[in-house]
Protein backbone atom coordinates (compact mmCIF):
# COMPACT_ATOMS: atom_id res chain seq x y z
CA MET A 1 -147.38 11.20 -13.97
CA VAL A 2 -146.64 13.29 -10.93
CA ILE A 3 -146.01 11.20 -7.41
CA ILE A 4 -145.58 13.16 -4.44
CA TYR A 5 -142.83 10.76 -2.55
CA THR A 6 -142.33 13.32 0.77
CA ASN A 7 -143.80 16.69 1.74
CA ILE A 8 -139.75 17.88 -0.58
CA ILE A 9 -139.63 15.39 -2.81
CA ILE A 10 -141.45 15.26 -5.82
CA LEU A 11 -140.84 12.49 -8.96
CA ASN A 12 -141.79 13.23 -12.47
CA ASN A 13 -141.56 12.62 -16.23
CA ILE A 14 -138.52 14.91 -17.09
CA HIS A 15 -139.56 15.37 -20.46
CA PHE A 16 -142.13 18.26 -18.54
CA TYR A 17 -138.78 19.95 -17.89
CA SER A 18 -138.31 21.15 -21.93
CA VAL A 19 -139.77 23.85 -22.95
CA ALA A 20 -139.78 23.69 -27.27
CA GLY A 21 -137.64 25.88 -28.76
CA GLY A 22 -137.24 26.94 -32.54
CA GLY A 23 -137.53 23.82 -34.64
CA GLU A 24 -136.28 20.59 -32.94
CA GLU A 25 -133.74 21.87 -30.06
CA LYS A 26 -135.65 22.46 -26.61
CA HIS A 27 -134.86 24.34 -23.45
CA LYS A 28 -134.10 22.20 -20.09
CA LEU A 29 -135.09 24.12 -17.40
CA GLU A 30 -133.58 24.70 -14.85
CA SER A 31 -135.01 24.37 -10.72
CA ASN A 32 -135.16 28.35 -10.64
CA GLU A 33 -137.83 28.54 -13.11
CA ILE A 34 -140.11 25.68 -11.72
CA TYR A 35 -142.80 26.17 -9.61
CA VAL A 36 -145.60 23.54 -8.14
CA ARG A 37 -149.36 23.92 -8.12
CA VAL A 38 -150.12 21.82 -5.39
CA GLY A 39 -154.14 21.65 -4.40
CA SER A 40 -155.99 21.80 -7.29
CA THR A 41 -157.10 20.22 -10.29
CA GLU A 42 -156.73 23.74 -12.55
CA TRP A 43 -153.12 24.62 -13.97
CA ASN A 44 -153.94 28.07 -13.90
CA HIS A 45 -155.40 28.92 -10.20
CA GLY A 46 -156.28 27.19 -6.96
CA GLY A 47 -154.15 25.34 -3.98
CA LEU A 48 -150.83 26.73 -3.58
CA ILE A 49 -147.79 27.28 -5.75
CA TYR A 50 -144.63 25.97 -4.38
CA ASP A 51 -141.36 26.92 -5.97
CA ALA A 52 -138.25 24.03 -6.60
CA ASP A 53 -135.04 23.88 -5.29
CA ASP A 54 -133.25 21.24 -6.79
CA LEU A 55 -133.80 19.30 -10.17
CA PHE A 56 -132.69 15.86 -11.28
CA ARG A 57 -132.52 14.99 -14.46
CA HIS A 58 -131.91 10.46 -14.91
CA PRO A 59 -128.34 10.24 -16.12
CA LYS A 60 -129.33 8.28 -19.18
CA TYR A 61 -132.26 10.50 -20.10
CA ASP A 62 -132.78 10.70 -23.76
CA SER A 63 -135.46 12.52 -25.74
CA PHE A 64 -136.70 9.61 -27.21
CA GLY A 65 -138.61 8.50 -23.45
CA ARG A 66 -135.75 6.68 -22.16
CA LYS A 67 -135.26 6.97 -18.95
CA ASP A 68 -137.83 9.20 -18.62
CA ILE A 69 -137.03 10.21 -14.67
CA GLY A 70 -136.65 13.20 -12.55
CA ILE A 71 -136.90 14.30 -8.87
CA LEU A 72 -137.55 18.13 -8.04
CA LYS A 73 -137.01 18.95 -4.61
CA LEU A 74 -139.03 22.14 -3.42
CA HIS A 75 -138.09 25.15 -1.66
CA VAL A 76 -140.19 24.52 1.45
CA LEU A 77 -141.85 21.10 2.80
CA LEU A 78 -144.99 21.18 1.17
CA ASN A 79 -147.96 21.41 3.70
CA ILE A 80 -149.81 18.47 2.97
CA GLN A 81 -150.88 15.27 4.99
CA PHE A 82 -150.39 11.70 3.24
CA VAL A 83 -153.13 8.69 4.12
CA CYS A 84 -151.86 5.15 3.75
CA ILE A 85 -154.44 3.76 1.95
């Protein structure tokens, strides 16, 4: 699940920011390795790409899915309009 909280803050499941390595070990991505594509339903084209500025993992996150939340702060503001429903 991804939630655009503001035009600079995105809430997401933190396990998305890990890459499988050899065996059970996973590499935790740092903010300079992360980007966000906004405005497309495709992962590899369309929309606009924004670089991450900082990534905050829940301090009690574990790989079994508990506390699986992270806050991603973008480098620049998203160019989107918010609509209240």
